[in-house]
Amino acid sequence: MKSPDGATISTWKDLVEQPKSSAPPKDARADVCVVGAGIAGLSCAYMLAREGKSVIVLDDGPIGAGQTERTSAHLASAIDDRFEELERVLGLDYSKAAYEGNAAGIDLIERICREERIACDFQRLVAYLFPVPTDPPDLLNRELDASRRAGFQGVTIDAARAQGFAYDGPCLIFPNQARFHPLKYLYGLAKAFEKRGGKIYTGCRVQNVAGADPKNNKPAEAQIDGGKNVVRADHIIVATNTPAPINDWMGIYLKQASYRTYIVAMSVPRGAIADALYWDDGEPYHYVRLEATDRNGGDDLLLVGGEDHKVGQGPKGNPFDKLRDWAKEKFPAVRDVVRTWSGQVQEPEDYMAYIGRAPTSGENVYVVTGDSGMGLTHGSLSAIILSDLIMGRSNPWAKFYDPTRKTLDRDFVEENANAIAQYKDWISGGEVRSPNEIALGEGALMRQGMSKVAVYRDKSGAVHKCSATCTHLACVVQWNTIEKSWDCPCHGSRFDPYGKVVMGPAIDDLGKVE
């Protein structure tokens, strides 16, 4: 099924029936309002409903239609950014918290599957981290030691010896990892939440959130469709991957960077490749897992992801072709590419997600963002942390994921300098002088007087012009020829070829130009 930008295909949504929901009643009231119906939002909603709270969930799109349906569905407590690096930047306590928190997220998913009888193909399995030729020879040993210091028991170094994997050198082998079908799980979770009295409303666009003012007995508010409707609650959780719809959270935007990531699903004979998780340590890195399916003549699917790049700054070449070629080298049994899709991850400045009270005016507003490529486990972990905070309990991991924490790593100084550098596009010339220079089905920037215009020429030759100014913080958008979208290179907003916003932090569409 095609995404709003018309270029990528979900690997999950066409396999299960989409739950039905409706628009919220006028001026609804609840104990908790959750903005976002992905794994973070619904996990938080479910856990709070179990606590006896009345909960309303709001989303612009269908359940799970954001980044949850675009994941490769790895469930890992072996963190993407590596324990050694996290310990270097933040210290051992943070490294321990990262392992424990992500492991707790997997455990919660497993427990909910069991208690709510959700059939979502959940399976525990091992994971292999294998080096690339440019890695230092002692890299795996250093990461092994760091993993054990973080409390990860049972990690070993050995040859991969995995069926169908064309690599028999040393790997780090992590036990007790997992995989599942994310939308089967999410739809089951939604039903379990609604059985406990929870309400899910989709097709409603939250455009602002205001914190509570307890001194004046004023609850927090989620404003829908330009303020025409308001949901009031004692607490609001914003779980929208990137922290839209609140544009005054400057502390969050300056503490993370947005990256595109790509996935190909390739057919492979059943049993030809071991059911496991696989990662390398390359730049860009790759991540792989098997998805068993009775489709495609009995073949399984091998999901191969990677080729990440900063939003609006790439890709160089076709990432899907690169992933296909890499997969054929590492997993020789793969056949054709069945489908492709992409997603977006938020890289925090210090490798730890942001889960907790939002750095914004007003009280009782909470945020979940900065997934660092581990949105499924962080989304599940957020339900543990935020339900504890809202219920007034202490939580052992809350301080490590606190969005207001002040840390700064040298690499992220470079990330912010990179974002600032993108504003130079205001003084550069256009990419074309006339729409006639643009190929059919493509876009390009054109200077029109003192302004820059985002020009899309559709397949029939009709020309569509929008302001090239991102409606978030006025960076100049760039054309993404692979995904047919206008992408902001500063903070990761994305717009379809006609200027409609498809991903925040931007809230408003690009302005039309005559």
Protein backbone atom coordinates (compact mmCIF):
# COMPACT_ATOMS: atom_id res chain seq x y z
CA MET A 1 0.00 0.00 0.00
CA LYS A 2 1.44 3.37 -0.94
CA SER A 3 2.31 5.99 1.63
CA PRO A 4 1.16 9.64 1.41
CA ASP A 5 4.25 10.55 -0.61
CA GLY A 6 3.32 7.90 -3.19
CA ALA A 7 6.72 6.27 -3.20
CA THR A 8 7.10 3.76 -0.39
CA ILE A 9 5.15 0.64 0.49
CA SER A 10 4.33 -0.64 3.95
CA THR A 11 5.42 -4.21 4.54
CA TRP A 12 2.83 -4.70 7.26
CA LYS A 13 -0.42 -2.83 6.68
CA ASP A 14 -1.85 -5.00 3.90
CA LEU A 15 -1.50 -8.13 6.02
CA VAL A 16 -4.02 -7.29 8.76
CA GLU A 17 -7.39 -5.60 9.05
CA GLN A 18 -7.24 -1.94 10.05
CA PRO A 19 -9.29 -1.10 13.18
CA LYS A 20 -12.07 1.45 12.80
CA SER A 21 -12.30 4.66 14.83
CA SER A 22 -14.00 8.04 14.67
CA ALA A 23 -13.58 11.76 15.32
CA PRO A 24 -13.66 12.90 18.97
CA PRO A 25 -16.76 14.51 20.46
CA LYS A 26 -16.78 18.27 20.97
CA ASP A 27 -14.70 19.44 23.95
CA ALA A 28 -13.98 15.97 25.37
CA ARG A 29 -12.44 15.50 28.82
CA ALA A 30 -10.21 12.72 30.18
CA ASP A 31 -7.63 12.02 32.83
CA VAL A 32 -5.00 11.56 30.12
CA CYS A 33 -4.87 12.57 26.45
CA VAL A 34 -2.30 10.83 24.23
CA VAL A 35 -1.30 12.42 20.91
CA GLY A 36 -0.10 9.67 18.57
CA ALA A 37 -1.49 6.18 17.91
CA GLY A 38 1.80 4.40 17.27
CA ILE A 39 3.49 1.96 19.61
CA ALA A 40 4.58 4.64 22.09
CA GLY A 41 1.17 6.32 22.30
CA LEU A 42 -0.91 3.15 22.49
CA SER A 43 1.47 1.48 24.96
CA CYS A 44 1.19 4.49 27.27
CA ALA A 45 -2.59 4.61 26.82
CA TYR A 46 -2.98 0.91 27.56
CA MET A 47 -0.85 0.99 30.70
CA LEU A 48 -2.68 4.02 32.09
CA ALA A 49 -6.08 2.50 31.32
CA ARG A 50 -4.97 -0.52 33.36
CA GLU A 51 -4.33 1.92 36.20
CA GLY A 52 -7.96 3.02 36.03
CA LYS A 53 -7.35 6.29 34.19
CA SER A 54 -9.75 7.56 31.53
CA VAL A 55 -7.66 7.95 28.38
CA ILE A 56 -8.27 9.47 24.94
CA VAL A 57 -5.87 8.81 22.03
CA LEU A 58 -5.76 11.24 19.08
CA ASP A 59 -4.03 10.81 15.72
CA ASP A 60 -4.12 12.53 12.35
CA GLY A 61 -3.88 9.19 10.54
CA PRO A 62 -4.91 5.56 11.15
CA ILE A 63 -3.60 3.50 14.04
CA GLY A 64 0.08 2.69 13.56
CA ALA A 65 0.31 4.60 10.27
CA GLY A 66 3.32 6.69 11.30
CA GLN A 67 6.74 5.20 11.92
CA THR A 68 5.43 2.05 13.62
CA GLU A 69 4.35 0.59 10.26
CA ARG A 70 7.69 1.57 8.72
CA THR A 71 9.90 -0.26 11.17
CA SER A 72 11.83 -3.44 10.40
CA ALA A 73 10.43 -4.75 13.73
CA HIS A 74 13.65 -5.62 15.52
CA LEU A 75 13.19 -5.85 19.29
CA ALA A 76 16.65 -5.38 20.72
CA SER A 77 18.28 -4.59 24.04
CA ALA A 78 21.64 -4.54 22.23
CA ILE A 79 21.65 -0.83 21.47
CA ASP A 80 22.35 0.52 17.97
CA ASP A 81 24.88 3.08 19.16
CA ARG A 82 26.92 0.49 21.05
CA PHE A 83 27.46 0.22 24.80
CA GLU A 84 31.11 1.24 24.56
CA GLU A 85 30.20 4.56 22.92
CA LEU A 86 27.36 5.29 25.34
CA GLU A 87 29.61 4.58 28.31
CA ARG A 88 32.26 6.90 26.82
CA VAL A 89 29.82 9.78 26.42
CA LEU A 90 27.63 9.45 29.51
CA GLY A 91 29.18 6.89 31.83
CA LEU A 92 28.38 3.40 33.04
CA ASP A 93 25.11 4.26 34.83
CA TYR A 94 23.59 5.44 31.54
CA SER A 95 24.87 2.38 29.70
CA LYS A 96 23.21 0.16 32.31
CA ALA A 97 19.97 2.15 32.06
CA ALA A 98 19.96 1.79 28.26
CA TYR A 99 20.30 -1.98 28.47
CA GLU A 100 17.81 -2.39 31.31
CA GLY A 101 15.26 -0.02 29.77
CA ASN A 102 15.25 -1.61 26.33
CA ALA A 103 15.16 -5.10 27.85
CA ALA A 104 12.19 -4.01 29.98
CA GLY A 105 10.47 -2.74 26.83
CA ILE A 106 10.78 -6.16 25.18
CA ASP A 107 9.60 -7.89 28.35
CA LEU A 108 6.52 -5.66 28.46
CA ILE A 109 5.60 -6.49 24.86
CA GLU A 110 5.99 -10.20 25.60
CA ARG A 111 3.87 -9.92 28.74
CA ILE A 112 1.09 -8.00 27.00
CA CYS A 113 1.06 -10.54 24.15
CA ARG A 114 0.61 -13.32 26.69
CA GLU A 115 -1.95 -11.61 28.94
CA GLU A 116 -4.06 -10.15 26.11
CA ARG A 117 -3.58 -13.19 23.84
CA ILE A 118 -2.29 -11.09 20.96
CA ALA A 119 -1.14 -13.30 18.07
CA CYS A 120 1.62 -11.20 16.53
CA ASP A 121 4.39 -13.73 15.76
CA PHE A 122 6.43 -12.67 18.80
CA GLN A 123 9.57 -14.79 19.04
CA ARG A 124 12.72 -14.63 21.14
CA LEU A 125 15.93 -15.20 19.15
CA VAL A 126 19.63 -14.38 19.01
CA ALA A 127 21.28 -11.44 17.31
CA TYR A 128 24.62 -11.20 15.51
CA LEU A 129 26.77 -8.07 15.41
CA PHE A 130 29.48 -8.57 12.80
CA PRO A 131 32.37 -6.23 11.93
CA VAL A 132 33.30 -4.58 8.66
CA PRO A 133 36.86 -4.69 7.26
CA THR A 134 37.68 -1.15 8.40
CA ASP A 135 36.84 -1.83 12.05
CA PRO A 136 39.72 -1.93 14.58
CA PRO A 137 40.65 -5.56 15.31
CA ASP A 138 39.73 -5.24 19.00
CA LEU A 139 36.33 -3.60 18.41
CA LEU A 140 34.22 -6.66 19.21
CA ASN A 141 36.17 -7.40 22.38
CA ARG A 142 35.73 -3.82 23.58
CA GLU A 143 32.00 -3.96 22.91
CA LEU A 144 31.76 -7.36 24.62
CA ASP A 145 33.34 -5.94 27.76
CA ALA A 146 31.12 -2.85 27.64
CA SER A 147 28.00 -5.00 27.18
CA ARG A 148 28.87 -7.07 30.22
CA ARG A 149 29.60 -3.98 32.30
CA ALA A 150 26.13 -2.71 31.33
CA GLY A 151 24.65 -5.89 32.82
CA PHE A 152 23.94 -7.79 29.60
CA GLN A 153 24.55 -11.42 30.57
CA GLY A 154 25.24 -14.21 28.11
CA VAL A 155 26.87 -12.15 25.35
CA THR A 156 29.63 -14.10 23.60
CA ILE A 157 32.10 -13.84 20.74
CA ASP A 158 32.01 -16.69 18.26
CA ALA A 159 31.78 -17.40 14.54
CA ALA A 160 28.32 -16.65 13.19
CA ARG A 161 27.57 -20.15 11.84
CA ALA A 162 24.09 -18.96 10.90
CA GLN A 163 22.27 -20.75 8.08
CA GLY A 164 22.41 -18.76 4.85
CA PHE A 165 24.71 -16.02 6.20
CA ALA A 166 27.87 -15.73 4.08
CA TYR A 167 30.15 -14.75 6.92
CA ASP A 168 31.92 -17.12 9.30
CA GLY A 169 34.22 -14.70 11.11
CA PRO A 170 33.89 -13.50 14.69
CA CYS A 171 30.58 -11.95 15.78
CA LEU A 172 29.12 -10.69 19.00
CA ILE A 173 26.15 -12.94 19.75
CA PHE A 174 23.41 -11.38 21.88
CA PRO A 175 20.82 -13.73 23.42
CA ASN A 176 17.19 -13.02 24.28
CA GLN A 177 16.41 -10.53 21.54
CA ALA A 178 13.07 -10.71 19.71
CA ARG A 179 10.94 -9.90 16.67
CA PHE A 180 7.21 -9.61 16.00
CA HIS A 181 4.61 -8.29 13.57
CA PRO A 182 4.23 -4.67 14.71
CA LEU A 183 0.74 -3.96 13.40
CA LYS A 184 -0.75 -7.26 14.54
CA TYR A 185 0.57 -6.33 17.97
CA LEU A 186 -0.61 -2.74 17.80
CA TYR A 187 -4.11 -3.62 16.62
CA GLY A 188 -4.39 -6.19 19.41
CA LEU A 189 -3.15 -3.59 21.88
CA ALA A 190 -5.74 -1.10 20.63
CA LYS A 191 -8.55 -3.63 21.22
CA ALA A 192 -7.26 -4.40 24.72
CA PHE A 193 -7.11 -0.66 25.46
CA GLU A 194 -10.67 -0.09 24.24
CA LYS A 195 -11.93 -3.01 26.35
CA ARG A 196 -10.68 -1.07 29.37
CA GLY A 197 -12.73 1.97 28.38
CA GLY A 198 -10.12 3.79 26.33
CA LYS A 199 -11.13 5.90 23.33
CA ILE A 200 -9.18 6.19 20.05
CA TYR A 201 -10.00 8.96 17.59
CA THR A 202 -8.22 9.25 14.25
CA GLY A 203 -8.50 11.72 11.40
CA CYS A 204 -8.10 14.61 13.82
CA ARG A 205 -5.04 16.82 13.51
CA VAL A 206 -3.72 18.14 16.81
CA GLN A 207 -2.16 21.51 16.06
CA ASN A 208 -1.16 22.69 19.52
CA VAL A 209 -0.80 21.45 23.07
CA ALA A 210 -1.00 23.72 26.10
CA GLY A 211 0.19 22.65 29.53
CA ALA A 212 -1.95 22.70 32.65
CA ASP A 213 -2.17 25.63 35.07
CA PRO A 214 -3.06 24.02 38.42
CA LYS A 215 -3.06 27.36 40.30
CA ASN A 216 -5.98 28.51 38.19
CA ASN A 217 -7.56 25.05 38.02
CA LYS A 218 -6.92 24.90 34.26
CA PRO A 219 -6.29 21.49 32.68
CA ALA A 220 -3.92 20.79 29.81
CA GLU A 221 -5.38 21.11 26.32
CA ALA A 222 -4.91 19.47 22.92
CA GLN A 223 -6.26 21.77 20.22
CA ILE A 224 -7.64 20.08 17.11
CA ASP A 225 -8.13 21.52 13.63
CA GLY A 226 -7.09 25.08 14.37
CA GLY A 227 -8.71 25.18 17.79
CA LYS A 228 -12.22 24.30 16.53
CA ASN A 229 -12.23 21.43 19.00
CA VAL A 230 -10.33 20.94 22.24
CA VAL A 231 -9.63 17.84 24.32
CA ARG A 232 -8.89 18.68 27.94
CA ALA A 233 -7.00 16.39 30.30
CA ASP A 234 -5.04 16.38 33.53
CA HIS A 235 -2.06 15.03 31.61
CA ILE A 236 -1.07 15.03 27.92
CA ILE A 237 1.48 12.71 26.31
CA VAL A 238 2.90 13.71 22.91
CA ALA A 239 4.10 10.51 21.23
CA THR A 240 4.46 11.52 17.58
CA ASN A 241 8.05 10.38 16.80
CA THR A 242 9.11 13.98 16.33
CA PRO A 243 7.66 16.39 18.89
CA ALA A 244 5.03 18.05 16.73
CA PRO A 245 2.56 19.69 17.25
CA ILE A 246 4.29 22.05 19.64
CA ASN A 247 6.69 24.43 17.92
CA ASP A 248 8.09 26.06 21.07
CA TRP A 249 10.04 23.01 22.20
CA MET A 250 13.32 24.45 21.00
CA GLY A 251 15.21 22.39 23.55
CA ILE A 252 14.09 19.18 21.83
CA TYR A 253 14.74 20.26 18.23
CA LEU A 254 18.27 21.35 19.01
CA LYS A 255 19.04 18.10 20.83
CA GLN A 256 18.28 15.61 18.05
CA ALA A 257 18.69 15.15 14.31
CA SER A 258 16.37 13.44 11.80
CA TYR A 259 17.60 10.65 9.52
CA ARG A 260 15.93 8.70 6.70
CA THR A 261 16.43 4.95 6.70
CA TYR A 262 15.55 2.48 3.91
CA ILE A 263 14.40 -1.14 3.76
CA VAL A 264 14.07 -3.76 1.04
CA ALA A 265 12.08 -6.96 1.51
CA MET A 266 13.50 -9.79 -0.59
CA SER A 267 12.03 -13.23 -1.16
CA VAL A 268 14.04 -16.18 0.09
CA PRO A 269 13.24 -19.93 0.17
CA ARG A 270 11.79 -21.02 3.48
CA GLY A 271 14.48 -22.30 5.82
CA ALA A 272 17.37 -20.96 3.74
CA ILE A 273 18.33 -18.28 6.28
CA ALA A 274 18.41 -18.60 10.06
CA ASP A 275 15.70 -16.75 11.97
CA ALA A 276 17.82 -14.20 13.81
CA LEU A 277 18.67 -10.52 13.95
CA TYR A 278 21.79 -9.29 12.15
CA TRP A 279 23.67 -5.95 12.25
CA ASP A 280 27.00 -4.74 11.00
CA ASP A 281 29.03 -1.81 12.32
CA GLY A 282 29.52 -0.08 8.98
CA GLU A 283 28.98 3.52 7.96
CA PRO A 284 26.22 3.49 6.93
CA TYR A 285 25.33 0.37 8.86
CA HIS A 286 22.93 -2.44 7.93
CA TYR A 287 20.28 -4.30 9.88
CA VAL A 288 18.59 -7.55 8.82
CA ARG A 289 15.93 -9.99 9.96
CA LEU A 290 13.70 -12.73 8.60
CA GLU A 291 9.91 -12.43 8.27
CA ALA A 292 8.14 -15.77 7.81
CA THR A 293 5.12 -15.53 5.52
CA ASP A 294 2.93 -17.86 3.50
CA ARG A 295 2.78 -15.32 0.69
CA ASN A 296 4.93 -15.25 -2.46
CA GLY A 297 4.67 -18.95 -3.24
CA GLY A 298 5.81 -20.07 0.19
CA ASP A 299 8.93 -17.93 0.35
CA ASP A 300 9.96 -16.02 3.47
CA LEU A 301 10.99 -12.37 3.33
CA LEU A 302 14.41 -11.09 4.31
CA LEU A 303 14.13 -7.50 5.53
CA VAL A 304 17.35 -5.59 4.88
CA GLY A 305 17.66 -2.01 6.10
CA GLY A 306 20.18 0.80 6.30
CA GLU A 307 21.77 3.43 4.02
CA ASP A 308 20.71 6.11 6.52
CA HIS A 309 21.30 9.76 5.75
CA LYS A 310 20.25 13.05 7.26
CA VAL A 311 16.84 14.22 6.03
CA GLY A 312 17.12 16.62 3.10
CA GLN A 313 20.79 15.76 2.58
CA GLY A 314 20.76 12.75 0.30
CA PRO A 315 20.61 10.01 -0.60
CA LYS A 316 23.62 9.56 -2.86
CA GLY A 317 22.52 7.06 -5.46
CA ASN A 318 19.61 4.68 -4.99
CA PRO A 319 19.62 3.26 -1.45
CA PHE A 320 17.26 0.42 -2.38
CA ASP A 321 19.65 -0.79 -5.09
CA LYS A 322 22.57 -0.60 -2.65
CA LEU A 323 20.70 -2.64 -0.05
CA ARG A 324 19.72 -5.24 -2.65
CA ASP A 325 23.31 -5.65 -3.82
CA TRP A 326 24.65 -5.84 -0.27
CA ALA A 327 22.04 -8.45 0.68
CA LYS A 328 22.94 -10.67 -2.29
CA GLU A 329 26.54 -10.67 -1.14
CA LYS A 330 25.84 -11.46 2.51
CA PHE A 331 22.80 -13.73 2.05
CA PRO A 332 23.25 -15.53 -1.31
CA ALA A 333 19.89 -17.33 -1.12
CA VAL A 334 17.86 -14.12 -1.55
CA ARG A 335 15.84 -13.71 -4.74
CA ASP A 336 13.86 -10.72 -5.96
CA VAL A 337 12.99 -7.50 -4.17
CA VAL A 338 9.30 -7.84 -3.27
CA ARG A 339 8.74 -4.41 -1.78
CA THR A 340 10.57 -1.36 -0.49
CA TRP A 341 9.83 1.32 2.06
CA SER A 342 11.52 3.88 4.26
CA GLY A 343 11.21 5.48 7.66
CA GLN A 344 12.59 8.24 9.81
CA VAL A 345 14.56 8.03 13.03
CA GLN A 346 15.45 10.73 15.52
CA GLU A 347 19.05 10.67 16.70
CA PRO A 348 19.47 12.29 20.15
CA GLU A 349 22.62 14.15 21.01
CA ASP A 350 23.79 11.62 23.60
CA TYR A 351 22.24 8.36 22.32
CA MET A 352 19.49 8.24 24.99
CA ALA A 353 15.85 8.78 24.03
CA TYR A 354 13.79 11.63 25.49
CA ILE A 355 10.98 10.22 27.64
CA GLY A 356 9.46 12.36 30.36
CA ARG A 357 8.16 15.82 31.16
CA ALA A 358 8.37 18.12 28.16
CA PRO A 359 10.63 21.18 28.27
CA THR A 360 7.78 23.58 27.61
CA SER A 361 5.58 26.07 29.45
CA GLY A 362 2.74 24.69 31.54
CA GLU A 363 2.60 21.49 33.54
CA ASN A 364 1.72 17.84 33.00
CA VAL A 365 2.82 17.56 29.38
CA TYR A 366 5.07 14.61 28.51
CA VAL A 367 7.02 13.68 25.39
CA VAL A 368 8.43 10.53 23.76
CA THR A 369 11.03 11.11 21.05
CA GLY A 370 14.70 10.55 20.18
CA ASP A 371 14.25 6.86 19.37
CA SER A 372 17.76 6.46 17.88
CA GLY A 373 16.50 3.66 15.62
CA MET A 374 14.99 1.73 18.54
CA GLY A 375 11.49 3.15 18.51
CA LEU A 376 9.70 -0.11 19.31
CA THR A 377 11.55 -0.82 22.55
CA HIS A 378 11.65 2.86 23.51
CA GLY A 379 7.94 3.15 22.76
CA SER A 380 7.21 0.25 25.08
CA LEU A 381 9.62 1.56 27.73
CA SER A 382 7.89 4.95 27.61
CA ALA A 383 4.71 3.31 28.87
CA ILE A 384 6.56 2.10 31.94
CA ILE A 385 8.25 5.42 32.67
CA LEU A 386 5.31 7.73 31.94
CA SER A 387 2.70 5.64 33.75
CA ASP A 388 4.95 5.77 36.82
CA LEU A 389 5.39 9.55 36.53
CA ILE A 390 1.68 10.20 36.05
CA MET A 391 0.74 7.86 38.90
CA GLY A 392 3.25 9.59 41.20
CA ARG A 393 5.64 6.66 41.52
CA SER A 394 9.41 6.67 41.26
CA ASN A 395 10.98 5.00 38.24
CA PRO A 396 14.57 3.72 38.11
CA TRP A 397 15.15 4.90 34.52
CA ALA A 398 13.27 8.21 34.42
CA LYS A 399 16.27 10.43 35.20
CA PHE A 400 18.36 8.84 32.44
CA TYR A 401 15.71 9.58 29.78
CA ASP A 402 14.65 12.99 31.15
CA PRO A 403 14.11 15.36 28.16
CA THR A 404 15.41 18.32 30.19
CA ARG A 405 18.80 16.76 30.87
CA LYS A 406 21.80 18.80 29.77
CA THR A 407 24.46 16.80 27.97
CA LEU A 408 26.50 17.68 24.93
CA ASP A 409 28.65 15.39 22.86
CA ARG A 410 31.16 16.71 20.32
CA ASP A 411 29.43 14.85 17.49
CA PHE A 412 26.19 16.66 18.10
CA VAL A 413 27.91 20.04 17.97
CA GLU A 414 28.73 19.02 14.41
CA GLU A 415 25.08 18.00 13.83
CA ASN A 416 23.82 21.44 14.86
CA ALA A 417 26.48 23.18 12.79
CA ASN A 418 25.31 21.07 9.86
CA ALA A 419 21.70 22.20 10.39
CA ILE A 420 22.68 25.86 10.61
CA ALA A 421 24.75 25.55 7.43
CA GLN A 422 21.62 24.61 5.48
CA TYR A 423 20.34 28.19 5.74
CA LYS A 424 22.97 29.18 3.17
CA ASP A 425 20.52 27.94 0.54
CA TRP A 426 18.66 31.24 0.90
CA ILE A 427 21.45 33.09 -0.90
CA SER A 428 22.23 30.47 -3.54
CA GLY A 429 20.69 30.39 -6.98
CA GLY A 430 17.94 28.07 -8.11
CA GLU A 431 18.57 24.62 -9.52
CA VAL A 432 16.62 25.44 -12.69
CA ARG A 433 15.54 28.64 -14.44
CA SER A 434 12.35 27.26 -15.93
CA PRO A 435 9.89 24.47 -15.01
CA ASN A 436 10.51 23.06 -18.49
CA GLU A 437 13.96 21.97 -17.30
CA ILE A 438 12.39 19.62 -14.73
CA ALA A 439 11.77 16.01 -15.75
CA LEU A 440 8.22 14.68 -15.51
CA GLY A 441 7.45 13.43 -12.01
CA GLU A 442 10.33 15.37 -10.46
CA GLY A 443 10.89 18.58 -8.50
CA ALA A 444 13.53 21.30 -8.30
CA LEU A 445 14.15 24.64 -6.63
CA MET A 446 13.71 27.78 -8.71
CA ARG A 447 14.37 31.38 -7.77
CA GLN A 448 11.38 33.64 -8.37
CA GLY A 449 12.27 37.24 -7.58
CA MET A 450 13.64 37.36 -4.02
CA SER A 451 12.06 34.04 -3.09
CA LYS A 452 12.84 30.40 -3.64
CA VAL A 453 10.07 28.23 -5.01
CA ALA A 454 9.63 24.45 -4.78
CA VAL A 455 8.48 23.43 -8.25
CA TYR A 456 6.99 20.00 -9.00
CA ARG A 457 6.22 18.93 -12.55
CA ASP A 458 3.80 16.01 -12.46
CA LYS A 459 3.75 13.14 -14.93
CA SER A 460 1.24 14.92 -17.15
CA GLY A 461 3.50 17.98 -17.36
CA ALA A 462 1.38 20.21 -15.08
CA VAL A 463 3.47 22.52 -12.88
CA HIS A 464 2.80 22.93 -9.14
CA LYS A 465 4.58 25.66 -7.19
CA CYS A 466 4.97 26.06 -3.43
CA SER A 467 7.12 28.22 -1.21
CA ALA A 468 10.43 26.47 -0.59
CA THR A 469 10.40 27.77 2.99
CA CYS A 470 9.79 25.06 5.57
CA THR A 471 6.92 26.16 7.81
CA HIS A 472 8.77 25.02 10.91
CA LEU A 473 11.86 27.25 11.15
CA ALA A 474 12.20 28.64 7.61
CA CYS A 475 14.91 26.37 6.23
CA VAL A 476 14.87 25.77 2.46
CA VAL A 477 13.42 22.36 1.57
CA GLN A 478 15.17 19.99 -0.85
CA TRP A 479 13.72 17.59 -3.43
CA ASN A 480 14.03 13.89 -2.57
CA THR A 481 13.99 12.13 -5.95
CA ILE A 482 13.82 8.64 -4.40
CA GLU A 483 10.74 9.30 -2.26
CA LYS A 484 9.24 12.14 -4.32
CA SER A 485 8.98 14.56 -1.43
CA TRP A 486 10.21 17.97 -0.27
CA ASP A 487 12.45 17.40 2.76
CA CYS A 488 13.75 19.94 5.26
CA PRO A 489 17.51 19.49 5.89
CA CYS A 490 17.42 21.36 9.20
CA HIS A 491 14.93 19.56 11.44
CA GLY A 492 13.44 16.78 9.31
CA SER A 493 10.00 18.00 8.23
CA ARG A 494 8.71 16.43 5.02
CA PHE A 495 6.07 17.51 2.48
CA ASP A 496 4.50 15.73 -0.47
CA PRO A 497 5.15 17.00 -4.05
CA TYR A 498 2.25 19.46 -3.72
CA GLY A 499 3.44 20.89 -0.39
CA LYS A 500 1.19 19.01 2.04
CA VAL A 501 2.98 18.23 5.28
CA VAL A 502 3.48 14.47 5.79
CA MET A 503 5.89 14.58 8.72
CA GLY A 504 6.62 17.10 11.47
CA PRO A 505 7.90 19.01 13.27
CA ALA A 506 6.20 21.29 10.72
CA ILE A 507 2.48 21.63 11.31
CA ASP A 508 1.43 23.73 8.31
CA ASP A 509 1.68 22.95 4.59
CA LEU A 510 4.07 24.81 2.31
CA GLY A 511 2.49 28.03 1.04
CA LYS A 512 1.09 27.99 -2.49
CA VAL A 513 2.78 30.17 -5.13
CA GLU A 514 0.99 31.47 -8.21
